[in-house]
Full PDB file with SEQRES, HELIX, SHEET, SSBOND, CRYST1, ORIGX, SCALE, CONECT and MASTER records, all heavy atoms in Angstrom:
SEQRES   1 A   36  GLN PHE VAL LEU ALA ASP GLY ARG ARG TYR GLY HIS VAL          
SEQRES   2 A   36  LEU ASP PRO ARG THR GLY TRP PRO ALA SER GLY VAL LEU          
SEQRES   3 A   36  SER ALA THR VAL ILE ALA ARG ARG ALA SER                      
SHEET    1 AA1 2 PHE A   2  ALA A   5  0                                        
SHEET    2 AA1 2 ARG A   8  GLY A  11 -1                                        
CRYST1    1.000    1.000    1.000  90.00  90.00  90.00 P 1           1          
ORIGX1      1.000000  0.000000  0.000000        0.00000                         
ORIGX2      0.000000  1.000000  0.000000        0.00000                         
ORIGX3      0.000000  0.000000  1.000000        0.00000                         
SCALE1      1.000000  0.000000  0.000000        0.00000                         
SCALE2      0.000000  1.000000  0.000000        0.00000                         
SCALE3      0.000000  0.000000  1.000000        0.00000                         
ATOM      1  N   GLN A   1      -1.159  -3.505   8.299  1.00  0.00           N  
ATOM      2  CA  GLN A   1      -2.466  -3.175   8.909  1.00  0.00           C  
ATOM      3  C   GLN A   1      -3.655  -3.179   7.767  1.00  0.00           C  
ATOM      4  O   GLN A   1      -3.188  -2.922   6.618  1.00  0.00           O  
ATOM      5  CB  GLN A   1      -2.477  -1.758   9.613  1.00  0.00           C  
ATOM      6  CG  GLN A   1      -1.651  -1.606  10.840  1.00  0.00           C  
ATOM      7  CD  GLN A   1      -1.994  -0.374  11.474  1.00  0.00           C  
ATOM      8  OE1 GLN A   1      -3.077   0.019  11.945  1.00  0.00           O  
ATOM      9  NE2 GLN A   1      -1.056   0.642  11.342  1.00  0.00           N  
ATOM     10  N   PHE A   2      -4.782  -3.416   8.071  1.00  0.00           N  
ATOM     11  CA  PHE A   2      -5.881  -3.348   7.184  1.00  0.00           C  
ATOM     12  C   PHE A   2      -7.158  -3.130   7.855  1.00  0.00           C  
ATOM     13  O   PHE A   2      -7.319  -3.208   9.002  1.00  0.00           O  
ATOM     14  CB  PHE A   2      -5.882  -4.574   6.195  1.00  0.00           C  
ATOM     15  CG  PHE A   2      -6.259  -5.854   7.003  1.00  0.00           C  
ATOM     16  CD1 PHE A   2      -7.504  -6.242   7.250  1.00  0.00           C  
ATOM     17  CD2 PHE A   2      -5.089  -6.671   7.382  1.00  0.00           C  
ATOM     18  CE1 PHE A   2      -7.764  -7.389   7.978  1.00  0.00           C  
ATOM     19  CE2 PHE A   2      -5.371  -7.741   8.072  1.00  0.00           C  
ATOM     20  CZ  PHE A   2      -6.699  -8.203   8.381  1.00  0.00           C  
ATOM     21  N   VAL A   3      -8.169  -2.659   7.093  1.00  0.00           N  
ATOM     22  CA  VAL A   3      -9.502  -2.452   7.490  1.00  0.00           C  
ATOM     23  C   VAL A   3     -10.301  -3.400   6.610  1.00  0.00           C  
ATOM     24  O   VAL A   3     -10.181  -3.558   5.486  1.00  0.00           O  
ATOM     25  CB  VAL A   3     -10.029  -1.047   7.225  1.00  0.00           C  
ATOM     26  CG1 VAL A   3     -11.511  -0.868   7.410  1.00  0.00           C  
ATOM     27  CG2 VAL A   3      -9.292  -0.016   8.202  1.00  0.00           C  
ATOM     28  N   LEU A   4     -11.316  -4.090   7.347  1.00  0.00           N  
ATOM     29  CA  LEU A   4     -12.378  -4.906   6.670  1.00  0.00           C  
ATOM     30  C   LEU A   4     -13.692  -4.179   6.850  1.00  0.00           C  
ATOM     31  O   LEU A   4     -14.183  -3.932   7.909  1.00  0.00           O  
ATOM     32  CB  LEU A   4     -12.350  -6.362   7.315  1.00  0.00           C  
ATOM     33  CG  LEU A   4     -11.227  -7.264   7.188  1.00  0.00           C  
ATOM     34  CD1 LEU A   4     -11.480  -8.483   7.957  1.00  0.00           C  
ATOM     35  CD2 LEU A   4     -11.038  -7.555   5.701  1.00  0.00           C  
ATOM     36  N   ALA A   5     -14.230  -4.050   5.585  1.00  0.00           N  
ATOM     37  CA  ALA A   5     -15.592  -3.218   5.580  1.00  0.00           C  
ATOM     38  C   ALA A   5     -16.407  -3.832   4.486  1.00  0.00           C  
ATOM     39  O   ALA A   5     -15.845  -3.913   3.288  1.00  0.00           O  
ATOM     40  CB  ALA A   5     -15.395  -1.766   5.446  1.00  0.00           C  
ATOM     41  N   ASP A   6     -17.619  -4.348   4.786  1.00  0.00           N  
ATOM     42  CA  ASP A   6     -18.447  -4.792   3.797  1.00  0.00           C  
ATOM     43  C   ASP A   6     -17.800  -5.910   2.872  1.00  0.00           C  
ATOM     44  O   ASP A   6     -17.902  -5.942   1.744  1.00  0.00           O  
ATOM     45  CB  ASP A   6     -18.960  -3.682   2.731  1.00  0.00           C  
ATOM     46  CG  ASP A   6     -19.732  -2.598   3.520  1.00  0.00           C  
ATOM     47  OD1 ASP A   6     -20.413  -2.966   4.650  1.00  0.00           O  
ATOM     48  OD2 ASP A   6     -19.594  -1.405   3.191  1.00  0.00           O  
ATOM     49  N   GLY A   7     -16.973  -6.811   3.567  1.00  0.00           N  
ATOM     50  CA  GLY A   7     -16.486  -7.883   3.035  1.00  0.00           C  
ATOM     51  C   GLY A   7     -15.205  -7.528   2.161  1.00  0.00           C  
ATOM     52  O   GLY A   7     -14.639  -8.460   1.459  1.00  0.00           O  
ATOM     53  N   ARG A   8     -14.766  -6.362   2.208  1.00  0.00           N  
ATOM     54  CA  ARG A   8     -13.566  -6.033   1.360  1.00  0.00           C  
ATOM     55  C   ARG A   8     -12.392  -5.583   2.297  1.00  0.00           C  
ATOM     56  O   ARG A   8     -12.543  -4.990   3.414  1.00  0.00           O  
ATOM     57  CB  ARG A   8     -13.909  -4.800   0.474  1.00  0.00           C  
ATOM     58  CG  ARG A   8     -12.670  -4.366  -0.383  1.00  0.00           C  
ATOM     59  CD  ARG A   8     -13.131  -3.321  -1.379  1.00  0.00           C  
ATOM     60  NE  ARG A   8     -12.063  -2.842  -2.163  1.00  0.00           N  
ATOM     61  CZ  ARG A   8     -12.086  -1.862  -3.074  1.00  0.00           C  
ATOM     62  NH1 ARG A   8     -13.234  -1.241  -3.386  1.00  0.00           N  
ATOM     63  NH2 ARG A   8     -10.981  -1.515  -3.793  1.00  0.00           N  
ATOM     64  N   ARG A   9     -11.149  -5.953   1.851  1.00  0.00           N  
ATOM     65  CA  ARG A   9     -10.031  -5.649   2.689  1.00  0.00           C  
ATOM     66  C   ARG A   9      -9.274  -4.414   2.177  1.00  0.00           C  
ATOM     67  O   ARG A   9      -8.923  -4.348   0.911  1.00  0.00           O  
ATOM     68  CB  ARG A   9      -9.016  -6.860   2.694  1.00  0.00           C  
ATOM     69  CG  ARG A   9      -7.697  -6.709   3.428  1.00  0.00           C  
ATOM     70  CD  ARG A   9      -6.862  -7.975   3.265  1.00  0.00           C  
ATOM     71  NE  ARG A   9      -5.807  -7.871   4.172  1.00  0.00           N  
ATOM     72  CZ  ARG A   9      -4.583  -7.330   3.820  1.00  0.00           C  
ATOM     73  NH1 ARG A   9      -4.426  -6.611   2.580  1.00  0.00           N  
ATOM     74  NH2 ARG A   9      -3.521  -7.352   4.583  1.00  0.00           N  
ATOM     75  N   TYR A  10      -9.097  -3.401   3.012  1.00  0.00           N  
ATOM     76  CA  TYR A  10      -8.326  -2.174   2.658  1.00  0.00           C  
ATOM     77  C   TYR A  10      -7.048  -2.182   3.328  1.00  0.00           C  
ATOM     78  O   TYR A  10      -7.053  -2.102   4.598  1.00  0.00           O  
ATOM     79  CB  TYR A  10      -9.235  -0.925   2.992  1.00  0.00           C  
ATOM     80  CG  TYR A  10     -10.510  -0.873   2.260  1.00  0.00           C  
ATOM     81  CD1 TYR A  10     -11.619  -1.369   2.896  1.00  0.00           C  
ATOM     82  CD2 TYR A  10     -10.623  -0.199   0.999  1.00  0.00           C  
ATOM     83  CE1 TYR A  10     -12.930  -1.426   2.198  1.00  0.00           C  
ATOM     84  CE2 TYR A  10     -11.825  -0.150   0.329  1.00  0.00           C  
ATOM     85  CZ  TYR A  10     -12.964  -0.785   1.005  1.00  0.00           C  
ATOM     86  OH  TYR A  10     -14.233  -0.629   0.231  1.00  0.00           O  
ATOM     87  N   GLY A  11      -5.841  -2.102   2.685  1.00  0.00           N  
ATOM     88  CA  GLY A  11      -4.584  -2.042   3.223  1.00  0.00           C  
ATOM     89  C   GLY A  11      -4.158  -0.692   3.778  1.00  0.00           C  
ATOM     90  O   GLY A  11      -4.844   0.318   3.389  1.00  0.00           O  
ATOM     91  N   HIS A  12      -3.271  -0.651   4.665  1.00  0.00           N  
ATOM     92  CA  HIS A  12      -2.820   0.527   5.243  1.00  0.00           C  
ATOM     93  C   HIS A  12      -1.958   1.422   4.431  1.00  0.00           C  
ATOM     94  O   HIS A  12      -1.602   2.520   4.730  1.00  0.00           O  
ATOM     95  CB  HIS A  12      -2.052   0.316   6.561  1.00  0.00           C  
ATOM     96  CG  HIS A  12      -0.640  -0.154   6.420  1.00  0.00           C  
ATOM     97  ND1 HIS A  12      -0.152  -1.269   5.661  1.00  0.00           N  
ATOM     98  CD2 HIS A  12       0.521   0.589   6.673  1.00  0.00           C  
ATOM     99  CE1 HIS A  12       1.124  -1.267   5.748  1.00  0.00           C  
ATOM    100  NE2 HIS A  12       1.651  -0.266   6.347  1.00  0.00           N  
ATOM    101  N   VAL A  13      -1.404   0.916   3.299  1.00  0.00           N  
ATOM    102  CA  VAL A  13      -0.659   1.701   2.377  1.00  0.00           C  
ATOM    103  C   VAL A  13      -1.405   2.585   1.524  1.00  0.00           C  
ATOM    104  O   VAL A  13      -2.214   2.067   0.638  1.00  0.00           O  
ATOM    105  CB  VAL A  13       0.323   0.907   1.503  1.00  0.00           C  
ATOM    106  CG1 VAL A  13       1.221   1.749   0.676  1.00  0.00           C  
ATOM    107  CG2 VAL A  13       1.230   0.082   2.454  1.00  0.00           C  
ATOM    108  N   LEU A  14      -1.582   3.776   1.679  1.00  0.00           N  
ATOM    109  CA  LEU A  14      -2.476   4.625   0.940  1.00  0.00           C  
ATOM    110  C   LEU A  14      -1.861   5.399  -0.362  1.00  0.00           C  
ATOM    111  O   LEU A  14      -0.610   5.806  -0.243  1.00  0.00           O  
ATOM    112  CB  LEU A  14      -2.995   5.730   1.822  1.00  0.00           C  
ATOM    113  CG  LEU A  14      -3.670   5.258   3.121  1.00  0.00           C  
ATOM    114  CD1 LEU A  14      -4.098   6.435   4.090  1.00  0.00           C  
ATOM    115  CD2 LEU A  14      -4.982   4.330   2.784  1.00  0.00           C  
ATOM    116  N   ASP A  15      -2.549   5.512  -1.321  1.00  0.00           N  
ATOM    117  CA  ASP A  15      -2.069   6.347  -2.474  1.00  0.00           C  
ATOM    118  C   ASP A  15      -2.478   7.817  -2.125  1.00  0.00           C  
ATOM    119  O   ASP A  15      -3.615   8.242  -2.134  1.00  0.00           O  
ATOM    120  CB  ASP A  15      -2.873   5.896  -3.704  1.00  0.00           C  
ATOM    121  CG  ASP A  15      -2.233   6.577  -5.012  1.00  0.00           C  
ATOM    122  OD1 ASP A  15      -1.669   7.672  -4.958  1.00  0.00           O  
ATOM    123  OD2 ASP A  15      -2.427   5.997  -6.096  1.00  0.00           O  
ATOM    124  N   PRO A  16      -1.309   8.639  -1.892  1.00  0.00           N  
ATOM    125  CA  PRO A  16      -1.553   9.996  -1.513  1.00  0.00           C  
ATOM    126  C   PRO A  16      -2.338  10.828  -2.627  1.00  0.00           C  
ATOM    127  O   PRO A  16      -2.899  11.934  -2.163  1.00  0.00           O  
ATOM    128  CB  PRO A  16      -0.234  10.557  -1.348  1.00  0.00           C  
ATOM    129  CG  PRO A  16       0.726   9.684  -2.038  1.00  0.00           C  
ATOM    130  CD  PRO A  16       0.021   8.293  -2.149  1.00  0.00           C  
ATOM    131  N   ARG A  17      -2.409  10.384  -3.828  1.00  0.00           N  
ATOM    132  CA  ARG A  17      -2.962  11.140  -4.830  1.00  0.00           C  
ATOM    133  C   ARG A  17      -4.494  10.961  -4.920  1.00  0.00           C  
ATOM    134  O   ARG A  17      -5.380  11.831  -5.350  1.00  0.00           O  
ATOM    135  CB  ARG A  17      -2.417  10.746  -6.268  1.00  0.00           C  
ATOM    136  CG  ARG A  17      -0.919  11.009  -6.210  1.00  0.00           C  
ATOM    137  CD  ARG A  17      -0.158  10.190  -7.401  1.00  0.00           C  
ATOM    138  NE  ARG A  17      -0.343   8.753  -7.263  1.00  0.00           N  
ATOM    139  CZ  ARG A  17       0.168   7.917  -7.986  1.00  0.00           C  
ATOM    140  NH1 ARG A  17       1.051   8.301  -8.977  1.00  0.00           N  
ATOM    141  NH2 ARG A  17      -0.044   6.661  -7.873  1.00  0.00           N  
ATOM    142  N   THR A  18      -4.964   9.878  -4.342  1.00  0.00           N  
ATOM    143  CA  THR A  18      -6.340   9.582  -4.381  1.00  0.00           C  
ATOM    144  C   THR A  18      -6.884   9.358  -2.916  1.00  0.00           C  
ATOM    145  O   THR A  18      -8.240   9.510  -2.857  1.00  0.00           O  
ATOM    146  CB  THR A  18      -6.628   8.174  -5.014  1.00  0.00           C  
ATOM    147  OG1 THR A  18      -6.154   7.065  -4.282  1.00  0.00           O  
ATOM    148  CG2 THR A  18      -6.031   8.083  -6.426  1.00  0.00           C  
ATOM    149  N   GLY A  19      -6.084   9.199  -1.979  1.00  0.00           N  
ATOM    150  CA  GLY A  19      -6.703   8.924  -0.603  1.00  0.00           C  
ATOM    151  C   GLY A  19      -7.121   7.582  -0.353  1.00  0.00           C  
ATOM    152  O   GLY A  19      -7.545   7.354   0.811  1.00  0.00           O  
ATOM    153  N   TRP A  20      -7.035   6.666  -1.294  1.00  0.00           N  
ATOM    154  CA  TRP A  20      -7.532   5.238  -1.076  1.00  0.00           C  
ATOM    155  C   TRP A  20      -6.453   4.377  -1.124  1.00  0.00           C  
ATOM    156  O   TRP A  20      -5.384   4.634  -1.595  1.00  0.00           O  
ATOM    157  CB  TRP A  20      -8.547   4.881  -2.242  1.00  0.00           C  
ATOM    158  CG  TRP A  20      -9.845   5.552  -2.223  1.00  0.00           C  
ATOM    159  CD1 TRP A  20     -10.156   6.758  -2.670  1.00  0.00           C  
ATOM    160  CD2 TRP A  20     -11.094   5.172  -1.501  1.00  0.00           C  
ATOM    161  NE1 TRP A  20     -11.477   7.168  -2.307  1.00  0.00           N  
ATOM    162  CE2 TRP A  20     -11.998   6.146  -1.607  1.00  0.00           C  
ATOM    163  CE3 TRP A  20     -11.401   3.943  -0.787  1.00  0.00           C  
ATOM    164  CZ2 TRP A  20     -13.245   6.041  -1.096  1.00  0.00           C  
ATOM    165  CZ3 TRP A  20     -12.577   3.762  -0.353  1.00  0.00           C  
ATOM    166  CH2 TRP A  20     -13.545   4.912  -0.402  1.00  0.00           C  
ATOM    167  N   PRO A  21      -6.654   3.128  -0.414  1.00  0.00           N  
ATOM    168  CA  PRO A  21      -5.439   2.188  -0.244  1.00  0.00           C  
ATOM    169  C   PRO A  21      -4.973   1.698  -1.676  1.00  0.00           C  
ATOM    170  O   PRO A  21      -5.636   1.433  -2.568  1.00  0.00           O  
ATOM    171  CB  PRO A  21      -6.015   1.082   0.536  1.00  0.00           C  
ATOM    172  CG  PRO A  21      -7.118   1.673   1.323  1.00  0.00           C  
ATOM    173  CD  PRO A  21      -7.706   2.823   0.405  1.00  0.00           C  
ATOM    174  N   ALA A  22      -3.650   1.507  -1.746  1.00  0.00           N  
ATOM    175  CA  ALA A  22      -3.056   1.016  -2.926  1.00  0.00           C  
ATOM    176  C   ALA A  22      -3.307  -0.425  -3.023  1.00  0.00           C  
ATOM    177  O   ALA A  22      -3.567  -1.171  -2.022  1.00  0.00           O  
ATOM    178  CB  ALA A  22      -1.625   1.285  -2.999  1.00  0.00           C  
ATOM    179  N   SER A  23      -3.306  -1.002  -4.231  1.00  0.00           N  
ATOM    180  CA  SER A  23      -3.575  -2.325  -4.488  1.00  0.00           C  
ATOM    181  C   SER A  23      -2.787  -2.926  -5.719  1.00  0.00           C  
ATOM    182  O   SER A  23      -2.216  -2.151  -6.452  1.00  0.00           O  
ATOM    183  CB  SER A  23      -4.998  -2.670  -4.726  1.00  0.00           C  
ATOM    184  OG  SER A  23      -5.502  -2.018  -5.855  1.00  0.00           O  
ATOM    185  N   GLY A  24      -2.662  -4.171  -5.780  1.00  0.00           N  
ATOM    186  CA  GLY A  24      -1.994  -4.785  -6.921  1.00  0.00           C  
ATOM    187  C   GLY A  24      -0.521  -5.373  -6.752  1.00  0.00           C  
ATOM    188  O   GLY A  24      -0.061  -6.254  -7.293  1.00  0.00           O  
ATOM    189  N   VAL A  25       0.046  -4.714  -5.621  1.00  0.00           N  
ATOM    190  CA  VAL A  25       1.531  -5.139  -5.308  1.00  0.00           C  
ATOM    191  C   VAL A  25       1.610  -5.569  -3.827  1.00  0.00           C  
ATOM    192  O   VAL A  25       1.061  -4.944  -2.914  1.00  0.00           O  
ATOM    193  CB  VAL A  25       2.599  -4.037  -5.498  1.00  0.00           C  
ATOM    194  CG1 VAL A  25       3.903  -4.465  -5.084  1.00  0.00           C  
ATOM    195  CG2 VAL A  25       2.412  -3.615  -6.955  1.00  0.00           C  
ATOM    196  N   LEU A  26       1.945  -6.816  -3.566  1.00  0.00           N  
ATOM    197  CA  LEU A  26       2.259  -7.224  -2.206  1.00  0.00           C  
ATOM    198  C   LEU A  26       3.477  -6.703  -1.468  1.00  0.00           C  
ATOM    199  O   LEU A  26       3.503  -6.379  -0.379  1.00  0.00           O  
ATOM    200  CB  LEU A  26       2.380  -8.746  -2.231  1.00  0.00           C  
ATOM    201  CG  LEU A  26       1.014  -9.535  -2.294  1.00  0.00           C  
ATOM    202  CD1 LEU A  26       1.318 -11.076  -2.484  1.00  0.00           C  
ATOM    203  CD2 LEU A  26       0.094  -9.359  -1.201  1.00  0.00           C  
ATOM    204  N   SER A  27       4.542  -6.642  -2.328  1.00  0.00           N  
ATOM    205  CA  SER A  27       5.893  -6.035  -1.812  1.00  0.00           C  
ATOM    206  C   SER A  27       6.755  -5.579  -2.858  1.00  0.00           C  
ATOM    207  O   SER A  27       6.619  -5.967  -4.051  1.00  0.00           O  
ATOM    208  CB  SER A  27       6.525  -7.394  -1.143  1.00  0.00           C  
ATOM    209  OG  SER A  27       7.769  -6.917  -0.568  1.00  0.00           O  
ATOM    210  N   ALA A  28       7.448  -4.481  -2.530  1.00  0.00           N  
ATOM    211  CA  ALA A  28       8.321  -3.850  -3.379  1.00  0.00           C  
ATOM    212  C   ALA A  28       9.696  -3.745  -2.823  1.00  0.00           C  
ATOM    213  O   ALA A  28       9.847  -3.214  -1.702  1.00  0.00           O  
ATOM    214  CB  ALA A  28       7.834  -2.477  -3.702  1.00  0.00           C  
ATOM    215  N   THR A  29      10.676  -4.239  -3.489  1.00  0.00           N  
ATOM    216  CA  THR A  29      12.140  -4.331  -3.058  1.00  0.00           C  
ATOM    217  C   THR A  29      12.869  -3.407  -4.037  1.00  0.00           C  
ATOM    218  O   THR A  29      12.693  -3.618  -5.248  1.00  0.00           O  
ATOM    219  CB  THR A  29      12.709  -5.632  -3.003  1.00  0.00           C  
ATOM    220  OG1 THR A  29      11.973  -6.391  -1.936  1.00  0.00           O  
ATOM    221  CG2 THR A  29      14.054  -5.674  -2.597  1.00  0.00           C  
ATOM    222  N   VAL A  30      13.704  -2.425  -3.487  1.00  0.00           N  
ATOM    223  CA  VAL A  30      14.454  -1.540  -4.371  1.00  0.00           C  
ATOM    224  C   VAL A  30      15.954  -1.619  -3.937  1.00  0.00           C  
ATOM    225  O   VAL A  30      16.206  -1.583  -2.665  1.00  0.00           O  
ATOM    226  CB  VAL A  30      13.950  -0.161  -4.217  1.00  0.00           C  
ATOM    227  CG1 VAL A  30      14.897   0.809  -5.151  1.00  0.00           C  
ATOM    228  CG2 VAL A  30      12.403  -0.029  -4.789  1.00  0.00           C  
ATOM    229  N   ILE A  31      16.744  -1.632  -4.992  1.00  0.00           N  
ATOM    230  CA  ILE A  31      18.325  -1.564  -4.688  1.00  0.00           C  
ATOM    231  C   ILE A  31      18.772  -0.194  -5.354  1.00  0.00           C  
ATOM    232  O   ILE A  31      18.453   0.108  -6.518  1.00  0.00           O  
ATOM    233  CB  ILE A  31      18.923  -2.813  -5.198  1.00  0.00           C  
ATOM    234  CG1 ILE A  31      18.353  -4.054  -4.712  1.00  0.00           C  
ATOM    235  CG2 ILE A  31      20.478  -2.751  -5.037  1.00  0.00           C  
ATOM    236  CD1 ILE A  31      18.677  -5.269  -5.607  1.00  0.00           C  
ATOM    237  N   ALA A  32      19.463   0.490  -4.547  1.00  0.00           N  
ATOM    238  CA  ALA A  32      20.029   1.824  -5.063  1.00  0.00           C  
ATOM    239  C   ALA A  32      21.289   2.090  -4.321  1.00  0.00           C  
ATOM    240  O   ALA A  32      21.750   1.327  -3.470  1.00  0.00           O  
ATOM    241  CB  ALA A  32      19.003   2.979  -4.851  1.00  0.00           C  
ATOM    242  N   ARG A  33      21.933   3.017  -4.718  1.00  0.00           N  
ATOM    243  CA  ARG A  33      23.161   3.503  -4.046  1.00  0.00           C  
ATOM    244  C   ARG A  33      22.995   4.008  -2.727  1.00  0.00           C  
ATOM    245  O   ARG A  33      23.829   3.846  -1.806  1.00  0.00           O  
ATOM    246  CB  ARG A  33      24.024   4.456  -4.988  1.00  0.00           C  
ATOM    247  CG  ARG A  33      24.493   3.842  -6.183  1.00  0.00           C  
ATOM    248  CD  ARG A  33      25.596   2.865  -5.871  1.00  0.00           C  
ATOM    249  NE  ARG A  33      26.307   2.348  -7.005  1.00  0.00           N  
ATOM    250  CZ  ARG A  33      27.230   1.397  -7.074  1.00  0.00           C  
ATOM    251  NH1 ARG A  33      27.532   0.756  -5.981  1.00  0.00           N  
ATOM    252  NH2 ARG A  33      27.872   1.056  -8.140  1.00  0.00           N  
ATOM    253  N   ARG A  34      21.782   4.674  -2.458  1.00  0.00           N  
ATOM    254  CA  ARG A  34      21.600   5.318  -1.165  1.00  0.00           C  
ATOM    255  C   ARG A  34      20.417   4.777  -0.452  1.00  0.00           C  
ATOM    256  O   ARG A  34      19.394   4.378  -1.072  1.00  0.00           O  
ATOM    257  CB  ARG A  34      21.269   6.893  -1.299  1.00  0.00           C  
ATOM    258  CG  ARG A  34      22.368   7.575  -1.852  1.00  0.00           C  
ATOM    259  CD  ARG A  34      21.993   9.042  -2.234  1.00  0.00           C  
ATOM    260  NE  ARG A  34      21.585   9.824  -1.075  1.00  0.00           N  
ATOM    261  CZ  ARG A  34      21.076  11.124  -1.202  1.00  0.00           C  
ATOM    262  NH1 ARG A  34      21.047  11.752  -2.259  1.00  0.00           N  
ATOM    263  NH2 ARG A  34      20.814  11.810  -0.091  1.00  0.00           N  
ATOM    264  N   ALA A  35      20.570   4.398   0.851  1.00  0.00           N  
ATOM    265  CA  ALA A  35      19.499   3.747   1.543  1.00  0.00           C  
ATOM    266  C   ALA A  35      18.227   4.606   1.585  1.00  0.00           C  
ATOM    267  O   ALA A  35      17.089   4.150   1.648  1.00  0.00           O  
ATOM    268  CB  ALA A  35      19.951   3.325   3.038  1.00  0.00           C  
ATOM    269  N   SER A  36      18.474   5.885   1.802  1.00  0.00           N  
ATOM    270  CA  SER A  36      17.227   6.788   1.856  1.00  0.00           C  
ATOM    271  C   SER A  36      16.440   6.722   0.439  1.00  0.00           C  
ATOM    272  O   SER A  36      15.129   6.793   0.479  1.00  0.00           O  
ATOM    273  CB  SER A  36      17.625   8.206   2.033  1.00  0.00           C  
ATOM    274  OG  SER A  36      18.686   8.636   1.080  1.00  0.00           O  
TER     275      SER A  36                                                      
MASTER        0    0    0    0    2    0    0    6  274    1    0    3          
END                                                                             
């Protein structure tokens, strides 16, 4: 999901520390022992 405002795209993944959408990474894949 995203919002378009004033010619800028804001993604739905928010940085909880700033309240603004995160940027710079399209996708993050993690491998670990536990699925959670």
